[in-house]
């Protein structure tokens, strides 16, 4: 009789561990789905990211143009001093 009671307790422990694990997985999947549906909507699309990338390149090109103009002025001033 005692052996049967130990076996019943062992089965209860195993079932508790299995059901707890399944419950944990379900909660994790549910949390992931809720996050994706409600909080990922602010994610920029690939087109928006590409547009931002192009705009960054345009801004960099403008900065480089300014730097080139400044360097040309410096060269002009140095050439005038040499003459």
PDB file of N, CA and C in Angstrom:
ATOM      1  N   UNK A   1       0.817  -1.188   0.000  1.00  0.00           N
ATOM      2  CA  UNK A   1       0.000   0.000   0.000  1.00  0.00           C
ATOM      3  C   UNK A   1       0.866   1.260   0.000  1.00  0.00           C
ATOM      4  N   UNK A   2       1.951   1.235   0.782  1.00  0.00           N
ATOM      5  CA  UNK A   2       2.838   2.381   0.870  1.00  0.00           C
ATOM      6  C   UNK A   2       3.534   2.636  -0.469  1.00  0.00           C
ATOM      7  N   UNK A   3       3.854   1.534  -1.175  1.00  0.00           N
ATOM      8  CA  UNK A   3       4.514   1.650  -2.469  1.00  0.00           C
ATOM      9  C   UNK A   3       3.579   2.319  -3.473  1.00  0.00           C
ATOM     10  N   UNK A   4       2.299   1.996  -3.417  1.00  0.00           N
ATOM     11  CA  UNK A   4       1.320   2.577  -4.328  1.00  0.00           C
ATOM     12  C   UNK A   4       1.159   4.068  -4.040  1.00  0.00           C
ATOM     13  N   UNK A   5       1.202   4.442  -2.766  1.00  0.00           N
ATOM     14  CA  UNK A   5       1.062   5.840  -2.399  1.00  0.00           C
ATOM     15  C   UNK A   5       2.268   6.648  -2.888  1.00  0.00           C
ATOM     16  N   UNK A   6       3.469   6.080  -2.797  1.00  0.00           N
ATOM     17  CA  UNK A   6       4.673   6.744  -3.305  1.00  0.00           C
ATOM     18  C   UNK A   6       4.600   6.905  -4.819  1.00  0.00           C
ATOM     19  N   UNK A   7       4.080   5.871  -5.493  1.00  0.00           N
ATOM     20  CA  UNK A   7       3.938   5.928  -6.940  1.00  0.00           C
ATOM     21  C   UNK A   7       2.935   7.017  -7.330  1.00  0.00           C
ATOM     22  N   UNK A   8       1.844   7.123  -6.592  1.00  0.00           N
ATOM     23  CA  UNK A   8       0.854   8.169  -6.863  1.00  0.00           C
ATOM     24  C   UNK A   8       1.469   9.566  -6.675  1.00  0.00           C
ATOM     25  N   UNK A   9       2.236   9.737  -5.620  1.00  0.00           N
ATOM     26  CA  UNK A   9       2.901  11.027  -5.398  1.00  0.00           C
ATOM     27  C   UNK A   9       3.891  11.327  -6.515  1.00  0.00           C
ATOM     28  N   UNK A  10       4.629  10.329  -6.958  1.00  0.00           N
ATOM     29  CA  UNK A  10       5.588  10.502  -8.037  1.00  0.00           C
ATOM     30  C   UNK A  10       4.876  10.924  -9.323  1.00  0.00           C
ATOM     31  N   UNK A  11       3.754  10.282  -9.617  1.00  0.00           N
ATOM     32  CA  UNK A  11       2.984  10.628 -10.818  1.00  0.00           C
ATOM     33  C   UNK A  11       2.443  12.048 -10.704  1.00  0.00           C
ATOM     34  N   UNK A  12       1.960  12.423  -9.504  1.00  0.00           N
ATOM     35  CA  UNK A  12       1.459  13.780  -9.305  1.00  0.00           C
ATOM     36  C   UNK A  12       2.564  14.819  -9.520  1.00  0.00           C
ATOM     37  N   UNK A  13       3.755  14.534  -9.025  1.00  0.00           N
ATOM     38  CA  UNK A  13       4.889  15.453  -9.194  1.00  0.00           C
ATOM     39  C   UNK A  13       5.244  15.579 -10.674  1.00  0.00           C
ATOM     40  N   UNK A  14       5.309  14.461 -11.376  1.00  0.00           N
ATOM     41  CA  UNK A  14       5.634  14.486 -12.808  1.00  0.00           C
ATOM     42  C   UNK A  14       4.593  15.267 -13.601  1.00  0.00           C
ATOM     43  N   UNK A  15       3.317  15.007 -13.306  1.00  0.00           N
ATOM     44  CA  UNK A  15       2.251  15.724 -14.006  1.00  0.00           C
ATOM     45  C   UNK A  15       2.271  17.214 -13.677  1.00  0.00           C
ATOM     46  N   UNK A  16       2.603  17.553 -12.436  1.00  0.00           N
ATOM     47  CA  UNK A  16       2.702  18.965 -12.057  1.00  0.00           C
ATOM     48  C   UNK A  16       3.826  19.659 -12.833  1.00  0.00           C
ATOM     49  N   UNK A  17       4.966  18.987 -12.952  1.00  0.00           N
ATOM     50  CA  UNK A  17       6.094  19.568 -13.684  1.00  0.00           C
ATOM     51  C   UNK A  17       5.743  19.734 -15.168  1.00  0.00           C
ATOM     52  N   UNK A  18       5.127  18.715 -15.750  1.00  0.00           N
ATOM     53  CA  UNK A  18       4.757  18.769 -17.166  1.00  0.00           C
ATOM     54  C   UNK A  18       3.715  19.860 -17.405  1.00  0.00           C
ATOM     55  N   UNK A  19       2.687  19.899 -16.569  1.00  0.00           N
ATOM     56  CA  UNK A  19       1.645  20.912 -16.774  1.00  0.00           C
ATOM     57  C   UNK A  19       2.179  22.317 -16.509  1.00  0.00           C
ATOM     58  N   UNK A  20       3.051  22.460 -15.537  1.00  0.00           N
ATOM     59  CA  UNK A  20       3.669  23.766 -15.273  1.00  0.00           C
ATOM     60  C   UNK A  20       4.511  24.231 -16.456  1.00  0.00           C
ATOM     61  N   UNK A  21       5.252  23.308 -17.047  1.00  0.00           N
ATOM     62  CA  UNK A  21       6.070  23.649 -18.216  1.00  0.00           C
ATOM     63  C   UNK A  21       5.197  24.056 -19.393  1.00  0.00           C
ATOM     64  N   UNK A  22       4.129  23.300 -19.612  1.00  0.00           N
ATOM     65  CA  UNK A  22       3.204  23.638 -20.709  1.00  0.00           C
ATOM     66  C   UNK A  22       2.571  24.999 -20.464  1.00  0.00           C
ATOM     67  N   UNK A  23       2.168  25.264 -19.237  1.00  0.00           N
ATOM     68  CA  UNK A  23       1.579  26.553 -18.896  1.00  0.00           C
ATOM     69  C   UNK A  23       2.575  27.688 -19.123  1.00  0.00           C
ATOM     70  N   UNK A  24       3.820  27.489 -18.747  1.00  0.00           N
ATOM     71  CA  UNK A  24       4.851  28.493 -18.944  1.00  0.00           C
ATOM     72  C   UNK A  24       5.061  28.782 -20.430  1.00  0.00           C
ATOM     73  N   UNK A  25       5.092  27.734 -21.257  1.00  0.00           N
ATOM     74  CA  UNK A  25       5.250  27.916 -22.703  1.00  0.00           C
ATOM     75  C   UNK A  25       4.056  28.677 -23.279  1.00  0.00           C
ATOM     76  N   UNK A  26       2.851  28.338 -22.850  1.00  0.00           N
ATOM     77  CA  UNK A  26       1.657  29.034 -23.343  1.00  0.00           C
ATOM     78  C   UNK A  26       1.693  30.508 -22.944  1.00  0.00           C
ATOM     79  N   UNK A  27       2.097  30.794 -21.722  1.00  0.00           N
ATOM     80  CA  UNK A  27       2.192  32.191 -21.280  1.00  0.00           C
ATOM     81  C   UNK A  27       3.248  32.938 -22.094  1.00  0.00           C
ATOM     82  N   UNK A  28       4.372  32.309 -22.366  1.00  0.00           N
ATOM     83  CA  UNK A  28       5.422  32.957 -23.157  1.00  0.00           C
ATOM     84  C   UNK A  28       4.946  33.251 -24.570  1.00  0.00           C
ATOM     85  N   UNK A  29       4.287  32.293 -25.200  1.00  0.00           N
ATOM     86  CA  UNK A  29       3.780  32.496 -26.560  1.00  0.00           C
ATOM     87  C   UNK A  29       2.712  33.579 -26.564  1.00  0.00           C
ATOM     88  N   UNK A  30       1.827  33.565 -25.577  1.00  0.00           N
ATOM     89  CA  UNK A  30       0.794  34.596 -25.471  1.00  0.00           C
ATOM     90  C   UNK A  30       1.394  35.977 -25.287  1.00  0.00           C
ATOM     91  N   UNK A  31       2.401  36.082 -24.445  1.00  0.00           N
ATOM     92  CA  UNK A  31       3.065  37.370 -24.229  1.00  0.00           C
ATOM     93  C   UNK A  31       3.729  37.859 -25.500  1.00  0.00           C
ATOM     94  N   UNK A  32       4.358  36.965 -26.225  1.00  0.00           N
ATOM     95  CA  UNK A  32       4.997  37.319 -27.484  1.00  0.00           C
ATOM     96  C   UNK A  32       3.971  37.818 -28.500  1.00  0.00           C
ATOM     97  N   UNK A  33       2.850  37.132 -28.603  1.00  0.00           N
ATOM     98  CA  UNK A  33       1.809  37.553 -29.539  1.00  0.00           C
ATOM     99  C   UNK A  33       1.230  38.912 -29.159  1.00  0.00           C
ATOM    100  N   UNK A  34       0.992  39.115 -27.884  1.00  0.00           N
ATOM    101  CA  UNK A  34       0.474  40.410 -27.433  1.00  0.00           C
ATOM    102  C   UNK A  34       1.476  41.517 -27.748  1.00  0.00           C
ATOM    103  N   UNK A  35       2.753  41.264 -27.502  1.00  0.00           N
ATOM    104  CA  UNK A  35       3.780  42.262 -27.793  1.00  0.00           C
ATOM    105  C   UNK A  35       3.817  42.591 -29.282  1.00  0.00           C
ATOM    106  N   UNK A  36       3.772  41.569 -30.115  1.00  0.00           N
ATOM    107  CA  UNK A  36       3.846  41.792 -31.568  1.00  0.00           C
ATOM    108  C   UNK A  36       2.628  42.567 -32.053  1.00  0.00           C
ATOM    109  N   UNK A  37       1.452  42.212 -31.600  1.00  0.00           N
ATOM    110  CA  UNK A  37       0.246  42.855 -32.092  1.00  0.00           C
ATOM    111  C   UNK A  37       0.087  44.293 -31.600  1.00  0.00           C
ATOM    112  N   UNK A  38       0.462  44.572 -30.351  1.00  0.00           N
ATOM    113  CA  UNK A  38       0.177  45.873 -29.774  1.00  0.00           C
ATOM    114  C   UNK A  38       1.361  46.825 -29.733  1.00  0.00           C
ATOM    115  N   UNK A  39       2.579  46.314 -29.668  1.00  0.00           N
ATOM    116  CA  UNK A  39       3.717  47.197 -29.464  1.00  0.00           C
ATOM    117  C   UNK A  39       4.650  47.278 -30.660  1.00  0.00           C
ATOM    118  N   UNK A  40       4.567  46.406 -31.607  1.00  0.00           N
ATOM    119  CA  UNK A  40       5.434  46.439 -32.777  1.00  0.00           C
ATOM    120  C   UNK A  40       4.869  47.282 -33.904  1.00  0.00           C
ATOM    121  N   UNK A  41       3.687  47.853 -33.750  1.00  0.00           N
ATOM    122  CA  UNK A  41       3.074  48.613 -34.829  1.00  0.00           C
ATOM    123  C   UNK A  41       3.824  49.908 -35.100  1.00  0.00           C
ATOM    124  N   UNK A  42       4.610  50.403 -34.163  1.00  0.00           N
ATOM    125  CA  UNK A  42       5.361  51.629 -34.369  1.00  0.00           C
ATOM    126  C   UNK A  42       6.653  51.383 -35.146  1.00  0.00           C
ATOM    127  N   UNK A  43       6.939  50.163 -35.458  1.00  0.00           N
ATOM    128  CA  UNK A  43       8.135  49.819 -36.227  1.00  0.00           C
ATOM    129  C   UNK A  43       8.050  50.449 -37.609  1.00  0.00           C
ATOM    130  N   UNK A  44       9.155  51.046 -38.031  1.00  0.00           N
ATOM    131  CA  UNK A  44       9.162  51.655 -39.356  1.00  0.00           C
ATOM    132  C   UNK A  44       9.243  50.567 -40.421  1.00  0.00           C
ATOM    133  N   UNK A  45       8.645  50.854 -41.540  1.00  0.00           N
ATOM    134  CA  UNK A  45       8.676  49.889 -42.629  1.00  0.00           C
ATOM    135  C   UNK A  45      10.010  49.985 -43.347  1.00  0.00           C
ATOM    136  N   UNK A  46      10.247  49.031 -44.206  1.00  0.00           N
ATOM    137  CA  UNK A  46      11.520  48.996 -44.933  1.00  0.00           C
ATOM    138  C   UNK A  46      11.637  50.205 -45.848  1.00  0.00           C
ATOM    139  N   UNK A  47      10.537  50.639 -46.437  1.00  0.00           N
ATOM    140  CA  UNK A  47      10.559  51.815 -47.317  1.00  0.00           C
ATOM    141  C   UNK A  47      10.937  53.063 -46.523  1.00  0.00           C
ATOM    142  N   UNK A  48      10.365  53.198 -45.331  1.00  0.00           N
ATOM    143  CA  UNK A  48      10.692  54.351 -44.493  1.00  0.00           C
ATOM    144  C   UNK A  48      12.158  54.332 -44.080  1.00  0.00           C
ATOM    145  N   UNK A  49      12.662  53.160 -43.741  1.00  0.00           N
ATOM    146  CA  UNK A  49      14.078  53.044 -43.377  1.00  0.00           C
ATOM    147  C   UNK A  49      14.972  53.396 -44.552  1.00  0.00           C
ATOM    148  N   UNK A  50      14.595  52.940 -45.745  1.00  0.00           N
ATOM    149  CA  UNK A  50      15.387  53.241 -46.936  1.00  0.00           C
ATOM    150  C   UNK A  50      15.366  54.739 -47.219  1.00  0.00           C
ATOM    151  N   UNK A  51      14.203  55.372 -47.067  1.00  0.00           N
ATOM    152  CA  UNK A  51      14.096  56.809 -47.298  1.00  0.00           C
ATOM    153  C   UNK A  51      14.966  57.572 -46.301  1.00  0.00           C
ATOM    154  N   UNK A  52      14.928  57.160 -45.053  1.00  0.00           N
ATOM    155  CA  UNK A  52      15.762  57.804 -44.034  1.00  0.00           C
ATOM    156  C   UNK A  52      17.242  57.629 -44.368  1.00  0.00           C
ATOM    157  N   UNK A  53      17.604  56.464 -44.869  1.00  0.00           N
ATOM    158  CA  UNK A  53      18.988  56.187 -45.255  1.00  0.00           C
ATOM    159  C   UNK A  53      19.420  57.138 -46.378  1.00  0.00           C
ATOM    160  N   UNK A  54      18.563  57.304 -47.371  1.00  0.00           N
ATOM    161  CA  UNK A  54      18.878  58.203 -48.488  1.00  0.00           C
ATOM    162  C   UNK A  54      18.997  59.644 -47.995  1.00  0.00           C
ATOM    163  N   UNK A  55      18.083  60.057 -47.118  1.00  0.00           N
ATOM    164  CA  UNK A  55      18.144  61.414 -46.565  1.00  0.00           C
ATOM    165  C   UNK A  55      19.441  61.636 -45.788  1.00  0.00           C
ATOM    166  N   UNK A  56      19.892  60.615 -45.056  1.00  0.00           N
ATOM    167  CA  UNK A  56      21.168  60.733 -44.337  1.00  0.00           C
ATOM    168  C   UNK A  56      22.326  60.915 -45.311  1.00  0.00           C
ATOM    169  N   UNK A  57      22.285  60.209 -46.433  1.00  0.00           N
ATOM    170  CA  UNK A  57      23.339  60.360 -47.434  1.00  0.00           C
ATOM    171  C   UNK A  57      23.316  61.769 -48.029  1.00  0.00           C
ATOM    172  N   UNK A  58      22.140  62.306 -48.262  1.00  0.00           N
ATOM    173  CA  UNK A  58      22.028  63.663 -48.806  1.00  0.00           C
ATOM    174  C   UNK A  58      22.604  64.669 -47.817  1.00  0.00           C
ATOM    175  N   UNK A  59      22.286  64.517 -46.537  1.00  0.00           N
ATOM    176  CA  UNK A  59      22.821  65.417 -45.517  1.00  0.00           C
ATOM    177  C   UNK A  59      24.344  65.319 -45.443  1.00  0.00           C
ATOM    178  N   UNK A  60      24.870  64.091 -45.525  1.00  0.00           N
ATOM    179  CA  UNK A  60      26.316  63.909 -45.503  1.00  0.00           C
ATOM    180  C   UNK A  60      26.969  64.563 -46.717  1.00  0.00           C
ATOM    181  N   UNK A  61      26.330  64.439 -47.878  1.00  0.00           N
ATOM    182  CA  UNK A  61      26.870  65.058 -49.087  1.00  0.00           C
ATOM    183  C   UNK A  61      26.891  66.575 -48.951  1.00  0.00           C
ATOM    184  N   UNK A  62      25.861  67.156 -48.364  1.00  0.00           N
ATOM    185  CA  UNK A  62      25.831  68.600 -48.149  1.00  0.00           C
ATOM    186  C   UNK A  62      26.937  69.037 -47.204  1.00  0.00           C
ATOM    187  N   UNK A  63      27.162  68.272 -46.152  1.00  0.00           N
ATOM    188  CA  UNK A  63      28.250  68.599 -45.221  1.00  0.00           C
ATOM    189  C   UNK A  63      29.606  68.509 -45.912  1.00  0.00           C
ATOM    190  N   UNK A  64      29.774  67.483 -46.744  1.00  0.00           N
ATOM    191  CA  UNK A  64      31.038  67.347 -47.478  1.00  0.00           C
ATOM    192  C   UNK A  64      31.238  68.502 -48.448  1.00  0.00           C
ATOM    193  N   UNK A  65      30.161  68.961 -49.091  1.00  0.00           N
ATOM    194  CA  UNK A  65      30.257  70.114 -49.985  1.00  0.00           C
ATOM    195  C   UNK A  65      30.716  71.356 -49.218  1.00  0.00           C
ATOM    196  N   UNK A  66      30.177  71.555 -48.022  1.00  0.00           N
ATOM    197  CA  UNK A  66      30.588  72.690 -47.197  1.00  0.00           C
ATOM    198  C   UNK A  66      32.068  72.585 -46.835  1.00  0.00           C
ATOM    199  N   UNK A  67      32.504  71.388 -46.481  1.00  0.00           N
ATOM    200  CA  UNK A  67      33.904  71.177 -46.118  1.00  0.00           C
ATOM    201  C   UNK A  67      34.804  71.463 -47.318  1.00  0.00           C
ATOM    202  N   UNK A  68      34.388  71.023 -48.493  1.00  0.00           N
ATOM    203  CA  UNK A  68      35.175  71.261 -49.713  1.00  0.00           C
ATOM    204  C   UNK A  68      35.287  72.758 -49.986  1.00  0.00           C
ATOM    205  N   UNK A  69      34.192  73.497 -49.831  1.00  0.00           N
ATOM    206  CA  UNK A  69      34.224  74.948 -50.048  1.00  0.00           C
ATOM    207  C   UNK A  69      35.180  75.627 -49.074  1.00  0.00           C
ATOM    208  N   UNK A  70      35.142  75.199 -47.815  1.00  0.00           N
ATOM    209  CA  UNK A  70      36.027  75.784 -46.802  1.00  0.00           C
ATOM    210  C   UNK A  70      37.483  75.476 -47.135  1.00  0.00           C
ATOM    211  N   UNK A  71      37.753  74.238 -47.539  1.00  0.00           N
ATOM    212  CA  UNK A  71      39.126  73.875 -47.897  1.00  0.00           C
ATOM    213  C   UNK A  71      39.603  74.640 -49.129  1.00  0.00           C
ATOM    214  N   UNK A  72      38.731  74.876 -50.086  1.00  0.00           N
ATOM    215  CA  UNK A  72      39.100  75.660 -51.263  1.00  0.00           C
ATOM    216  C   UNK A  72      39.430  77.096 -50.871  1.00  0.00           C
ATOM    217  N   UNK A  73      38.664  77.672 -49.931  1.00  0.00           N
ATOM    218  CA  UNK A  73      38.967  79.027 -49.449  1.00  0.00           C
ATOM    219  C   UNK A  73      40.325  79.060 -48.762  1.00  0.00           C
ATOM    220  N   UNK A  74      40.598  78.031 -47.965  1.00  0.00           N
ATOM    221  CA  UNK A  74      41.888  77.963 -47.270  1.00  0.00           C
ATOM    222  C   UNK A  74      43.018  77.881 -48.288  1.00  0.00           C
ATOM    223  N   UNK A  75      42.865  77.023 -49.306  1.00  0.00           N
ATOM    224  CA  UNK A  75      43.895  76.903 -50.337  1.00  0.00           C
ATOM    225  C   UNK A  75      44.085  78.224 -51.071  1.00  0.00           C
ATOM    226  N   UNK A  76      42.992  78.908 -51.383  1.00  0.00           N
ATOM    227  CA  UNK A  76      43.052  80.198 -52.077  1.00  0.00           C
ATOM    228  C   UNK A  76      43.818  81.209 -51.229  1.00  0.00           C
ATOM    229  N   UNK A  77      43.520  81.247 -49.920  1.00  0.00           N
ATOM    230  CA  UNK A  77      44.207  82.179 -49.014  1.00  0.00           C
ATOM    231  C   UNK A  77      45.689  81.848 -48.905  1.00  0.00           C
ATOM    232  N   UNK A  78      46.022  80.559 -48.869  1.00  0.00           N
ATOM    233  CA  UNK A  78      47.430  80.168 -48.796  1.00  0.00           C
ATOM    234  C   UNK A  78      48.164  80.533 -50.077  1.00  0.00           C
ATOM    235  N   UNK A  79      47.513  80.352 -51.208  1.00  0.00           N
ATOM    236  CA  UNK A  79      48.130  80.695 -52.496  1.00  0.00           C
ATOM    237  C   UNK A  79      48.373  82.199 -52.576  1.00  0.00           C
ATOM    238  N   UNK A  80      47.423  83.021 -52.085  1.00  0.00           N
ATOM    239  CA  UNK A  80      47.587  84.469 -52.101  1.00  0.00           C
ATOM    240  C   UNK A  80      48.725  84.907 -51.211  1.00  0.00           C
ATOM    241  N   UNK A  81      48.937  84.251 -50.088  1.00  0.00           N
ATOM    242  CA  UNK A  81      50.022  84.601 -49.170  1.00  0.00           C
ATOM    243  C   UNK A  81      51.376  84.262 -49.777  1.00  0.00           C
ATOM    244  N   UNK A  82      51.429  83.187 -50.540  1.00  0.00           N
ATOM    245  CA  UNK A  82      52.699  82.793 -51.159  1.00  0.00           C
ATOM    246  C   UNK A  82      53.095  83.791 -52.241  1.00  0.00           C
ATOM    247  N   UNK A  83      52.129  84.361 -52.926  1.00  0.00           N
ATOM    248  CA  UNK A  83      52.434  85.302 -54.017  1.00  0.00           C
ATOM    249  C   UNK A  83      52.682  86.631 -53.450  1.00  0.00           C
TER     250      UNK A  83
END
